[in-house]
Amino acid sequence: MTSAKRLHVSIIVGRSGHPQAVIDDLWKRAVGAIGHQAVQVTGTAVFVSDGGFAVSVPDDRLRVVPLLKQGVSRLDALLAAAAVKPGPVGIAGRLMRDNVESRRLARALARRADLQQAFRDSDVVVAADLTADRSVWQLRNRTAAGLAHGPIAMLHALRETVRQ
């Protein structure tokens, strides 16, 4: 009798109006992509929370961890105002806002040793949005996991991992 292969998928969600939908979608795609094979899938999902809502766990194999969002600073207010402007000012505002948010998320995740260990032990780590990309790509020299952005790249990384 052969033992089933174990596979751990980590999902990082930064800025999202609906983290529940994003986590559910990525998790269902991951399980669906490898569910028919003899593979035991577990996962960790991390999302930025403003404390106003909770994300329910869609599956007992998935651990969902909220990261509390920092309060709004003066810089955030300035970047939000610039981001809605038309033309070059709006473009620069959106780029700077994304940069600041991705740095904050990366710092928050770096402070959590338990999450860093879970990411390093994962077989695939997926960034669900632009603000999560920095956190995922900072793992590139710390893990052999497949690093991906979005559902299609995640599915490709999962298939490559299962083939090995």
C-alpha atoms as a PDB file:
ATOM      1  CA  MET A   1       0.000   0.000   0.000  1.00  0.00           C
ATOM      2  CA  THR A   2       1.412   3.396  -0.934  1.00  0.00           C
ATOM      3  CA  SER A   3       0.977   6.474   1.184  1.00  0.00           C
ATOM      4  CA  ALA A   4      -0.608   9.537  -0.331  1.00  0.00           C
ATOM      5  CA  LYS A   5       1.608  12.461  -1.221  1.00  0.00           C
ATOM      6  CA  ARG A   6       1.104  15.572   0.891  1.00  0.00           C
ATOM      7  CA  LEU A   7       0.800  19.010  -0.659  1.00  0.00           C
ATOM      8  CA  HIS A   8       0.529  22.349   1.155  1.00  0.00           C
ATOM      9  CA  VAL A   9      -0.793  25.453  -0.607  1.00  0.00           C
ATOM     10  CA  SER A  10      -0.452  28.950   0.865  1.00  0.00           C
ATOM     11  CA  ILE A  11      -2.628  31.852  -0.296  1.00  0.00           C
ATOM     12  CA  ILE A  12      -1.868  35.511   0.483  1.00  0.00           C
ATOM     13  CA  VAL A  13      -4.609  38.092  -0.080  1.00  0.00           C
ATOM     14  CA  GLY A  14      -3.692  41.769   0.302  1.00  0.00           C
ATOM     15  CA  ARG A  15      -6.174  44.431  -0.742  1.00  0.00           C
ATOM     16  CA  SER A  16      -9.517  42.880  -1.562  1.00  0.00           C
ATOM     17  CA  GLY A  17     -13.079  43.986  -1.045  1.00  0.00           C
ATOM     18  CA  HIS A  18     -14.146  40.347  -0.840  1.00  0.00           C
ATOM     19  CA  PRO A  19     -11.393  38.178   0.675  1.00  0.00           C
ATOM     20  CA  GLN A  20     -13.900  35.379   1.316  1.00  0.00           C
ATOM     21  CA  ALA A  21     -14.635  35.046  -2.402  1.00  0.00           C
ATOM     22  CA  VAL A  22     -10.950  35.227  -3.348  1.00  0.00           C
ATOM     23  CA  ILE A  23      -9.910  32.570  -0.819  1.00  0.00           C
ATOM     24  CA  ASP A  24     -12.839  30.295  -1.744  1.00  0.00           C
ATOM     25  CA  ASP A  25     -12.060  30.587  -5.448  1.00  0.00           C
ATOM     26  CA  LEU A  26      -8.330  29.891  -5.137  1.00  0.00           C
ATOM     27  CA  TRP A  27      -8.866  27.028  -2.679  1.00  0.00           C
ATOM     28  CA  LYS A  28     -11.533  25.352  -4.835  1.00  0.00           C
ATOM     29  CA  ARG A  29      -9.316  25.657  -7.894  1.00  0.00           C
ATOM     30  CA  ALA A  30      -6.339  24.168  -6.032  1.00  0.00           C
ATOM     31  CA  VAL A  31      -8.323  21.236  -4.671  1.00  0.00           C
ATOM     32  CA  GLY A  32     -10.048  20.709  -8.016  1.00  0.00           C
ATOM     33  CA  ALA A  33      -6.764  20.669  -9.906  1.00  0.00           C
ATOM     34  CA  ILE A  34      -5.263  17.888  -7.817  1.00  0.00           C
ATOM     35  CA  GLY A  35      -8.246  16.404  -6.002  1.00  0.00           C
ATOM     36  CA  HIS A  36      -8.606  13.381  -8.296  1.00  0.00           C
ATOM     37  CA  GLN A  37      -5.081  12.180  -7.608  1.00  0.00           C
ATOM     38  CA  ALA A  38      -3.708  10.449  -4.516  1.00  0.00           C
ATOM     39  CA  VAL A  39      -2.637  13.722  -2.904  1.00  0.00           C
ATOM     40  CA  GLN A  40      -3.592  15.050   0.522  1.00  0.00           C
ATOM     41  CA  VAL A  41      -4.026  18.814   0.216  1.00  0.00           C
ATOM     42  CA  THR A  42      -3.729  21.232   3.136  1.00  0.00           C
ATOM     43  CA  GLY A  43      -3.508  24.991   3.060  1.00  0.00           C
ATOM     44  CA  THR A  44      -2.923  28.296   4.792  1.00  0.00           C
ATOM     45  CA  ALA A  45      -4.709  31.451   3.693  1.00  0.00           C
ATOM     46  CA  VAL A  46      -3.706  34.886   4.974  1.00  0.00           C
ATOM     47  CA  PHE A  47      -5.757  38.014   4.341  1.00  0.00           C
ATOM     48  CA  VAL A  48      -5.673  41.634   5.437  1.00  0.00           C
ATOM     49  CA  SER A  49      -8.639  42.366   7.678  1.00  0.00           C
ATOM     50  CA  ASP A  50     -10.051  45.682   8.794  1.00  0.00           C
ATOM     51  CA  GLY A  51     -11.698  43.902  11.726  1.00  0.00           C
ATOM     52  CA  GLY A  52     -15.180  44.473  10.328  1.00  0.00           C
ATOM     53  CA  PHE A  53     -15.830  40.988   8.997  1.00  0.00           C
ATOM     54  CA  ALA A  54     -14.590  37.444   9.351  1.00  0.00           C
ATOM     55  CA  VAL A  55     -13.752  34.929   6.672  1.00  0.00           C
ATOM     56  CA  SER A  56     -15.294  31.532   7.230  1.00  0.00           C
ATOM     57  CA  VAL A  57     -13.240  28.452   6.571  1.00  0.00           C
ATOM     58  CA  PRO A  58     -14.585  26.656   3.489  1.00  0.00           C
ATOM     59  CA  ASP A  59     -12.759  23.415   4.268  1.00  0.00           C
ATOM     60  CA  ASP A  60     -11.286  21.866   7.418  1.00  0.00           C
ATOM     61  CA  ARG A  61      -7.996  21.355   5.574  1.00  0.00           C
ATOM     62  CA  LEU A  62      -7.548  25.119   5.172  1.00  0.00           C
ATOM     63  CA  ARG A  63      -6.318  27.390   7.971  1.00  0.00           C
ATOM     64  CA  VAL A  64      -7.396  31.026   7.540  1.00  0.00           C
ATOM     65  CA  VAL A  65      -5.379  33.732   9.326  1.00  0.00           C
ATOM     66  CA  PRO A  66      -6.453  37.394   9.417  1.00  0.00           C
ATOM     67  CA  LEU A  67      -3.834  40.151   9.602  1.00  0.00           C
ATOM     68  CA  LEU A  68      -5.210  43.323  11.122  1.00  0.00           C
ATOM     69  CA  LYS A  69      -4.917  46.329   8.863  1.00  0.00           C
ATOM     70  CA  GLN A  70      -3.123  49.371  10.244  1.00  0.00           C
ATOM     71  CA  GLY A  71      -5.114  52.513  10.816  1.00  0.00           C
ATOM     72  CA  VAL A  72      -5.372  55.101   8.071  1.00  0.00           C
ATOM     73  CA  SER A  73      -2.457  57.509   8.160  1.00  0.00           C
ATOM     74  CA  ARG A  74      -2.113  60.907   6.561  1.00  0.00           C
ATOM     75  CA  LEU A  75      -0.048  59.334   3.786  1.00  0.00           C
ATOM     76  CA  ASP A  76      -2.881  56.892   3.067  1.00  0.00           C
ATOM     77  CA  ALA A  77      -5.357  59.751   2.780  1.00  0.00           C
ATOM     78  CA  LEU A  78      -3.067  61.655   0.397  1.00  0.00           C
ATOM     79  CA  LEU A  79      -2.455  58.594  -1.773  1.00  0.00           C
ATOM     80  CA  ALA A  80      -6.172  57.760  -1.885  1.00  0.00           C
ATOM     81  CA  ALA A  81      -6.951  61.297  -3.004  1.00  0.00           C
ATOM     82  CA  ALA A  82      -4.241  61.194  -5.667  1.00  0.00           C
ATOM     83  CA  ALA A  83      -5.260  57.709  -6.875  1.00  0.00           C
ATOM     84  CA  VAL A  84      -8.704  58.880  -8.030  1.00  0.00           C
ATOM     85  CA  LYS A  85      -7.374  61.824 -10.028  1.00  0.00           C
ATOM     86  CA  PRO A  86      -7.230  61.534 -13.799  1.00  0.00           C
ATOM     87  CA  GLY A  87      -4.024  61.437 -15.792  1.00  0.00           C
ATOM     88  CA  PRO A  88      -0.438  61.109 -14.559  1.00  0.00           C
ATOM     89  CA  VAL A  89      -1.272  62.189 -10.994  1.00  0.00           C
ATOM     90  CA  GLY A  90      -3.784  59.350 -10.675  1.00  0.00           C
ATOM     91  CA  ILE A  91      -1.376  56.835 -12.155  1.00  0.00           C
ATOM     92  CA  ALA A  92       1.396  57.892  -9.779  1.00  0.00           C
ATOM     93  CA  GLY A  93      -1.052  57.848  -6.851  1.00  0.00           C
ATOM     94  CA  ARG A  94      -2.197  54.303  -7.613  1.00  0.00           C
ATOM     95  CA  LEU A  95       1.368  53.062  -8.060  1.00  0.00           C
ATOM     96  CA  MET A  96       2.502  54.643  -4.800  1.00  0.00           C
ATOM     97  CA  ARG A  97      -0.577  53.331  -2.950  1.00  0.00           C
ATOM     98  CA  ASP A  98       0.102  49.784  -4.183  1.00  0.00           C
ATOM     99  CA  ASN A  99       3.773  50.087  -3.228  1.00  0.00           C
ATOM    100  CA  VAL A 100       3.006  51.299   0.300  1.00  0.00           C
ATOM    101  CA  GLU A 101       0.367  48.597   0.847  1.00  0.00           C
ATOM    102  CA  SER A 102       2.633  45.820  -0.419  1.00  0.00           C
ATOM    103  CA  ARG A 103       5.464  46.950   1.863  1.00  0.00           C
ATOM    104  CA  ARG A 104       3.134  47.033   4.876  1.00  0.00           C
ATOM    105  CA  LEU A 105       1.843  43.547   4.146  1.00  0.00           C
ATOM    106  CA  ALA A 106       5.374  42.201   3.669  1.00  0.00           C
ATOM    107  CA  ARG A 107       6.479  43.714   6.990  1.00  0.00           C
ATOM    108  CA  ALA A 108       3.421  42.344   8.792  1.00  0.00           C
ATOM    109  CA  LEU A 109       4.056  38.859   7.423  1.00  0.00           C
ATOM    110  CA  ALA A 110       7.784  39.051   8.206  1.00  0.00           C
ATOM    111  CA  ARG A 111       6.922  39.654  11.868  1.00  0.00           C
ATOM    112  CA  ARG A 112       4.915  36.418  12.035  1.00  0.00           C
ATOM    113  CA  ALA A 113       7.364  33.537  12.442  1.00  0.00           C
ATOM    114  CA  ASP A 114       4.572  30.940  12.303  1.00  0.00           C
ATOM    115  CA  LEU A 115       3.382  32.195   8.929  1.00  0.00           C
ATOM    116  CA  GLN A 116       6.915  32.466   7.546  1.00  0.00           C
ATOM    117  CA  GLN A 117       7.492  28.821   8.520  1.00  0.00           C
ATOM    118  CA  ALA A 118       4.196  27.780   6.898  1.00  0.00           C
ATOM    119  CA  PHE A 119       5.193  29.593   3.695  1.00  0.00           C
ATOM    120  CA  ARG A 120       8.652  28.014   3.642  1.00  0.00           C
ATOM    121  CA  ASP A 121       7.118  24.559   4.157  1.00  0.00           C
ATOM    122  CA  SER A 122       4.540  25.061   1.397  1.00  0.00           C
ATOM    123  CA  ASP A 123       4.723  23.416  -1.980  1.00  0.00           C
ATOM    124  CA  VAL A 124       3.014  26.356  -3.717  1.00  0.00           C
ATOM    125  CA  VAL A 125       2.588  29.953  -2.512  1.00  0.00           C
ATOM    126  CA  VAL A 126       0.171  32.158  -4.442  1.00  0.00           C
ATOM    127  CA  ALA A 127      -0.308  35.928  -4.344  1.00  0.00           C
ATOM    128  CA  ALA A 128      -3.937  36.801  -4.960  1.00  0.00           C
ATOM    129  CA  ASP A 129      -3.342  40.462  -5.850  1.00  0.00           C
ATOM    130  CA  LEU A 130      -0.668  43.073  -6.522  1.00  0.00           C
ATOM    131  CA  THR A 131      -0.207  44.003  -2.878  1.00  0.00           C
ATOM    132  CA  ALA A 132       0.627  40.381  -2.004  1.00  0.00           C
ATOM    133  CA  ASP A 133       3.276  39.978  -4.716  1.00  0.00           C
ATOM    134  CA  ARG A 134       6.121  41.461  -2.675  1.00  0.00           C
ATOM    135  CA  SER A 135       5.419  39.057   0.218  1.00  0.00           C
ATOM    136  CA  VAL A 136       5.489  36.054  -2.096  1.00  0.00           C
ATOM    137  CA  TRP A 137       8.552  37.024  -4.096  1.00  0.00           C
ATOM    138  CA  GLN A 138      10.550  37.733  -0.922  1.00  0.00           C
ATOM    139  CA  LEU A 139      10.342  33.970  -0.310  1.00  0.00           C
ATOM    140  CA  ARG A 140      12.191  33.123  -3.532  1.00  0.00           C
ATOM    141  CA  ASN A 141      15.535  32.344  -1.838  1.00  0.00           C
ATOM    142  CA  ARG A 142      13.980  30.825   1.294  1.00  0.00           C
ATOM    143  CA  THR A 143      11.854  28.043  -0.150  1.00  0.00           C
ATOM    144  CA  ALA A 144      11.701  25.580  -2.992  1.00  0.00           C
ATOM    145  CA  ALA A 145       7.953  26.187  -3.300  1.00  0.00           C
ATOM    146  CA  GLY A 146       6.433  27.221  -6.570  1.00  0.00           C
ATOM    147  CA  LEU A 147       5.692  30.953  -6.318  1.00  0.00           C
ATOM    148  CA  ALA A 148       2.742  32.235  -8.319  1.00  0.00           C
ATOM    149  CA  HIS A 149       0.500  35.237  -8.934  1.00  0.00           C
ATOM    150  CA  GLY A 150      -3.135  34.457  -9.577  1.00  0.00           C
ATOM    151  CA  PRO A 151      -5.137  31.324 -10.257  1.00  0.00           C
ATOM    152  CA  ILE A 152      -3.671  30.287 -13.616  1.00  0.00           C
ATOM    153  CA  ALA A 153      -0.057  30.440 -12.441  1.00  0.00           C
ATOM    154  CA  MET A 154      -1.098  28.615  -9.254  1.00  0.00           C
ATOM    155  CA  LEU A 155      -2.665  25.783 -11.262  1.00  0.00           C
ATOM    156  CA  HIS A 156       0.471  25.479 -13.382  1.00  0.00           C
ATOM    157  CA  ALA A 157       2.699  25.381 -10.265  1.00  0.00           C
ATOM    158  CA  LEU A 158       0.437  22.756  -8.661  1.00  0.00           C
ATOM    159  CA  ARG A 159       0.533  20.528 -11.732  1.00  0.00           C
ATOM    160  CA  GLU A 160       4.327  20.793 -11.906  1.00  0.00           C
ATOM    161  CA  THR A 161       4.614  19.976  -8.193  1.00  0.00           C
ATOM    162  CA  VAL A 162       2.329  16.930  -8.452  1.00  0.00           C
ATOM    163  CA  ARG A 163       4.311  15.613 -11.456  1.00  0.00           C
ATOM    164  CA  GLN A 164       7.553  15.579  -9.454  1.00  0.00           C
END
